[in-house]
Protein backbone atom coordinates (compact mmCIF):
# COMPACT_ATOMS: atom_id res chain seq x y z
CA MET A 1 -84.10 133.10 110.42
CA ALA A 2 -82.80 136.05 112.42
CA ASN A 3 -80.17 138.19 110.69
CA ALA A 4 -79.97 135.69 107.83
CA CYS A 5 -79.94 138.48 105.23
CA ALA A 6 -76.83 139.94 106.90
CA GLU A 7 -74.83 136.77 106.26
CA PRO A 8 -71.76 137.36 104.03
CA ARG A 9 -71.30 135.71 100.64
CA ILE A 10 -69.93 132.18 100.92
CA TYR A 11 -67.35 130.96 98.42
CA LEU A 12 -67.40 127.22 97.86
CA TYR A 13 -64.96 125.07 95.89
CA THR A 14 -65.79 121.69 94.44
CA GLU A 15 -64.43 119.29 91.83
CA GLU A 16 -65.47 117.01 88.98
CA TYR A 17 -66.79 114.15 91.11
CA PRO A 18 -70.09 112.94 89.64
CA PRO A 19 -72.77 112.33 90.71
CA MET A 20 -71.97 114.44 93.78
CA ASN A 21 -70.57 117.53 92.06
CA PHE A 22 -69.56 118.15 88.47
CA THR A 23 -69.98 120.53 85.54
CA ARG A 24 -72.99 120.29 83.24
CA ASN A 25 -73.32 122.77 80.37
CA GLY A 26 -70.74 124.96 82.06
CA LYS A 27 -72.56 125.10 85.41
CA PRO A 28 -72.12 123.19 88.70
CA ALA A 29 -74.51 120.25 89.07
CA GLY A 30 -74.97 117.13 91.18
CA LEU A 31 -76.36 115.89 94.46
CA ALA A 32 -74.17 118.01 96.71
CA VAL A 33 -74.62 121.08 94.49
CA ASP A 34 -78.40 120.75 94.74
CA VAL A 35 -78.14 120.45 98.53
CA VAL A 36 -75.82 123.47 98.81
CA GLN A 37 -78.06 125.60 96.62
CA GLU A 38 -81.15 124.65 98.62
CA LEU A 39 -79.33 125.44 101.87
CA ALA A 40 -78.33 128.85 100.53
CA ARG A 41 -81.92 129.53 99.46
CA ARG A 42 -83.29 128.60 102.88
CA ILE A 43 -80.92 130.78 104.86
CA HIS A 44 -80.87 133.61 102.31
CA VAL A 45 -77.10 133.52 101.86
CA PRO A 46 -75.43 134.37 98.53
CA VAL A 47 -73.01 131.65 97.41
CA SER A 48 -70.46 131.34 94.63
CA ILE A 49 -69.50 127.80 93.55
CA PHE A 50 -66.26 127.15 91.67
CA VAL A 51 -65.40 123.80 90.06
CA VAL A 52 -61.61 123.41 90.27
CA PRO A 53 -59.03 120.61 90.57
CA TRP A 54 -59.34 119.04 94.00
CA ALA A 55 -55.82 119.87 95.21
CA ARG A 56 -56.39 123.56 94.41
CA GLY A 57 -59.76 123.70 96.13
CA PHE A 58 -58.38 121.84 99.14
CA ARG A 59 -55.65 124.47 99.50
CA LEU A 60 -57.85 127.52 98.95
CA ALA A 61 -60.52 126.33 101.38
CA GLN A 62 -57.97 126.45 104.17
CA LEU A 63 -56.80 130.00 103.48
CA GLN A 64 -59.87 132.21 103.20
CA THR A 65 -62.69 133.33 105.51
CA ASN A 66 -66.25 132.29 104.58
CA THR A 67 -64.91 129.63 102.25
CA GLY A 68 -65.67 125.94 102.00
CA LEU A 69 -65.02 122.76 100.06
CA PHE A 70 -67.41 119.93 99.11
CA SER A 71 -67.93 117.01 98.99
CA THR A 72 -65.17 116.44 101.53
CA MET A 73 -64.52 113.19 103.38
CA ARG A 74 -64.19 113.79 107.09
CA THR A 75 -61.10 112.03 108.36
CA GLU A 76 -58.86 112.15 111.39
CA GLN A 77 -56.15 113.90 109.37
CA ARG A 78 -58.55 116.67 108.32
CA GLU A 79 -60.59 117.07 111.50
CA ARG A 80 -58.72 120.08 112.89
CA ILE A 81 -58.18 121.99 109.64
CA PHE A 82 -61.86 122.51 108.78
CA LYS A 83 -65.26 123.13 110.35
CA TRP A 84 -67.84 120.59 109.24
CA VAL A 85 -71.43 120.62 107.98
CA GLY A 86 -73.02 117.26 107.14
CA PRO A 87 -73.06 114.44 106.57
CA LEU A 88 -74.01 114.51 102.88
CA THR A 89 -73.23 110.90 101.96
CA THR A 90 -71.44 107.83 103.26
CA THR A 91 -69.24 105.96 100.82
CA THR A 92 -66.80 103.05 100.72
CA SER A 93 -63.31 103.27 99.20
CA SER A 94 -61.70 100.16 97.73
CA PHE A 95 -58.74 98.94 95.73
CA TYR A 96 -59.88 98.06 92.20
CA ALA A 97 -58.18 95.92 89.56
CA LEU A 98 -58.93 95.04 85.94
CA SER A 99 -61.41 92.17 86.07
CA ARG A 100 -59.66 90.22 83.31
CA LYS A 101 -56.40 90.10 85.27
CA LYS A 102 -58.04 88.37 88.25
CA LEU A 103 -55.67 90.06 90.71
CA THR A 104 -56.41 89.75 94.42
CA LEU A 105 -55.51 91.52 97.65
CA LYS A 106 -56.23 89.79 100.92
CA THR A 107 -54.82 92.37 103.32
CA LEU A 108 -53.43 95.88 103.45
CA ASP A 109 -49.96 94.38 103.69
CA ASP A 110 -50.61 92.78 100.30
CA ALA A 111 -51.56 96.21 98.96
CA ARG A 112 -48.37 97.77 100.37
CA LYS A 113 -46.36 95.22 98.38
CA ALA A 114 -48.23 95.80 95.10
CA ARG A 115 -46.23 97.17 92.16
CA ALA A 116 -48.15 100.45 91.81
CA ILE A 117 -51.47 101.90 92.97
CA THR A 118 -53.01 105.01 91.46
CA VAL A 119 -55.15 107.35 93.57
CA PRO A 120 -56.33 110.97 93.21
CA LEU A 121 -53.96 113.49 94.76
CA ASP A 122 -55.09 114.85 98.15
CA TRP A 123 -58.23 112.72 98.27
CA ALA A 124 -58.92 111.29 101.71
CA SER A 125 -57.90 107.84 100.46
CA TYR A 126 -54.53 109.18 99.28
CA GLN A 127 -53.85 110.96 102.57
CA THR A 128 -54.93 107.91 104.57
CA LEU A 129 -52.79 105.45 102.62
CA LEU A 130 -49.81 107.80 102.70
CA SER A 131 -50.07 108.11 106.47
CA ALA A 132 -50.31 104.32 106.69
CA GLY A 133 -46.89 103.91 105.12
CA PHE A 134 -47.79 103.18 101.49
CA GLN A 135 -44.81 103.97 99.26
CA ASN A 136 -46.21 102.60 96.00
CA LEU A 137 -48.80 105.29 95.26
CA GLU A 138 -49.06 106.98 91.85
CA PRO A 139 -51.16 110.13 92.52
CA VAL A 140 -53.08 111.82 89.70
CA ASN A 141 -54.67 115.27 89.52
CA ASP A 142 -57.57 114.04 87.39
CA PRO A 143 -59.34 110.88 88.66
CA LYS A 144 -60.26 109.88 85.09
CA LEU A 145 -56.56 109.27 84.41
CA MET A 146 -56.70 106.28 86.73
CA ILE A 147 -58.67 104.23 84.21
CA LYS A 148 -56.08 104.98 81.51
CA LEU A 149 -53.20 103.98 83.80
CA LEU A 150 -54.97 100.77 84.76
CA LYS A 151 -55.76 99.80 81.16
CA SER A 152 -52.22 100.62 80.00
CA GLY A 153 -50.70 98.34 82.64
CA ARG A 154 -48.68 101.11 84.28
CA VAL A 155 -50.42 100.31 87.58
CA ASP A 156 -52.08 97.17 88.93
CA PHE A 157 -54.65 98.83 91.17
CA MET A 158 -56.58 102.06 91.53
CA VAL A 159 -58.41 103.50 94.53
CA THR A 160 -61.83 105.11 94.37
CA ASP A 161 -65.24 104.85 96.05
CA GLN A 162 -68.34 103.06 94.87
CA GLN A 163 -70.36 106.22 94.30
CA ASN A 164 -67.83 107.79 91.89
CA LEU A 165 -66.80 104.60 90.07
CA PRO A 166 -69.69 104.48 87.54
CA ALA A 167 -68.96 108.04 86.40
CA LEU A 168 -65.23 107.32 86.05
CA LEU A 169 -65.96 104.33 83.82
CA ALA A 170 -68.59 106.17 81.79
CA ALA A 171 -66.23 109.09 81.15
CA GLU A 172 -63.79 106.68 79.51
CA GLY A 173 -66.48 104.76 77.64
CA ALA A 174 -65.60 101.68 79.69
CA ASP A 175 -67.89 98.78 80.46
CA PRO A 176 -69.08 98.59 84.11
CA GLY A 177 -67.44 95.16 84.35
CA LEU A 178 -64.00 96.48 83.44
CA VAL A 179 -62.87 96.61 87.08
CA THR A 180 -63.55 94.65 90.24
CA ALA A 181 -63.27 95.75 93.87
CA VAL A 182 -60.62 93.52 95.39
CA LEU A 183 -60.27 95.04 98.87
CA PRO A 184 -62.64 97.56 100.52
CA PHE A 185 -60.66 99.38 103.21
CA MET A 186 -62.29 102.63 104.28
CA ARG A 187 -65.78 104.00 104.84
CA ASN A 188 -66.24 107.74 105.33
CA SER A 189 -68.98 110.33 105.38
CA THR A 190 -68.72 113.39 103.14
CA TYR A 191 -69.34 116.94 104.33
CA ILE A 192 -69.15 120.61 103.43
CA ALA A 193 -65.80 121.62 104.96
CA PHE A 194 -65.56 125.29 105.97
CA SER A 195 -62.29 127.10 106.63
CA ARG A 196 -61.23 127.49 110.24
CA ASP A 197 -61.55 131.27 109.82
CA THR A 198 -65.26 130.98 109.08
CA ALA A 199 -67.31 132.06 112.10
CA ASP A 200 -68.87 129.33 114.22
CA ASP A 201 -72.31 130.93 113.99
CA ILE A 202 -72.21 130.74 110.19
CA VAL A 203 -71.31 127.06 110.34
CA SER A 204 -74.11 126.47 112.87
CA VAL A 205 -76.67 128.14 110.60
CA TRP A 206 -75.69 125.88 107.73
CA GLN A 207 -75.75 122.75 109.91
CA ASN A 208 -79.14 123.61 111.37
CA ALA A 209 -80.56 124.21 107.90
CA LEU A 210 -79.21 120.84 106.69
CA ASP A 211 -80.71 119.08 109.70
CA GLN A 212 -84.06 120.68 108.93
CA MET A 213 -83.84 119.52 105.30
CA LYS A 214 -83.38 115.97 106.56
CA LEU A 215 -86.33 116.27 108.92
CA ASP A 216 -88.75 117.72 106.35
CA GLY A 217 -87.86 115.30 103.53
CA ALA A 218 -86.19 117.78 101.14
CA PHE A 219 -82.76 116.19 101.59
CA LYS A 220 -84.08 112.69 100.89
CA ALA A 221 -85.80 113.89 97.70
CA ILE A 222 -82.55 115.36 96.35
CA TYR A 223 -80.55 112.32 97.42
CA LYS A 224 -82.90 109.84 95.73
CA LYS A 225 -82.84 111.89 92.53
CA TRP A 226 -79.11 111.26 92.16
CA LEU A 227 -78.54 108.01 94.10
CA PRO A 228 -81.86 106.15 93.98
CA ASN A 229 -80.40 102.87 95.24
CA ASP A 230 -78.47 104.30 98.20
CA LYS A 231 -79.66 105.05 101.72
CA PRO A 232 -79.37 108.75 102.66
CA PRO A 233 -77.33 109.48 105.81
CA GLY A 234 -79.14 110.64 108.91
CA LEU A 235 -78.41 113.55 111.21
CA MET A 236 -75.28 111.94 112.59
CA GLN A 237 -72.14 110.68 110.87
CA ASP A 238 -72.12 106.95 110.18
CA PRO A 239 -69.36 104.98 111.93
CA ASP A 240 -66.13 105.18 109.97
CA LEU A 241 -63.44 102.55 109.64
CA SER A 242 -60.72 104.38 111.53
CA PRO A 243 -57.87 103.82 111.91
CA LEU A 244 -57.31 102.21 108.52
CA GLN A 245 -58.47 98.62 108.48
CA GLU A 246 -59.75 95.99 106.11
CA MET A 247 -63.46 95.38 105.97
CA THR A 248 -64.65 92.01 107.15
CA ALA A 249 -67.92 90.37 106.23
CA GLU A 250 -69.37 91.80 109.44
CA ASN A 251 -68.49 95.45 108.86
CA ARG A 252 -68.96 95.83 105.12
CA PRO A 253 -71.76 98.23 104.19
CA ARG A 254 -75.02 96.66 103.09
């Protein structure tokens, strides 16, 4: 690729969000990490990956040139503050409750009236619910705290997506049947989000390399290693549920 060796070092922030990105033996690992490292290898760009709390990475990725954040849900609220490379995955966010309590939510209005809902601070789900008028949110810096809050009875519901849920439960030694999805409400694709100060041609190089990985099968191989039962996203972003709406039987992911 022309002038690829002249590309500047890219600094990328990520969080503990298995199986997409997390720390293993002190080093970044996961589906998105494997994809990022393969992209960097293909375009001969040096990268530095830092695993930090999400709120910190979200802030830093907006302030510095040649800096990015992954895996980042692409939402209407975030569209103009980043430049996007992806999609990496498509995932569904839901309200979850303890299975033994048999709690239900039929609509978003029901959720607005719930006693307390815990959600990770500055995640797309938090920003979306906040903008939709939810005043009963209990944000946490560490997603694993949500399981503790749910089990202690301090909250009735938590919000996460189906790809991260197994890791959250495993981290707390919880049985997979501990929680039940009571209301899916948002489907989004995740991306590498570059700062607005990052040059367009750098972003284009990364996007073109990702597209090529999808065409030659390398992306699918990495994806199936980490999420063998999921369908990898194609070249284009899957349709999102936007603005916020409940999923019906017709528009739930299959």
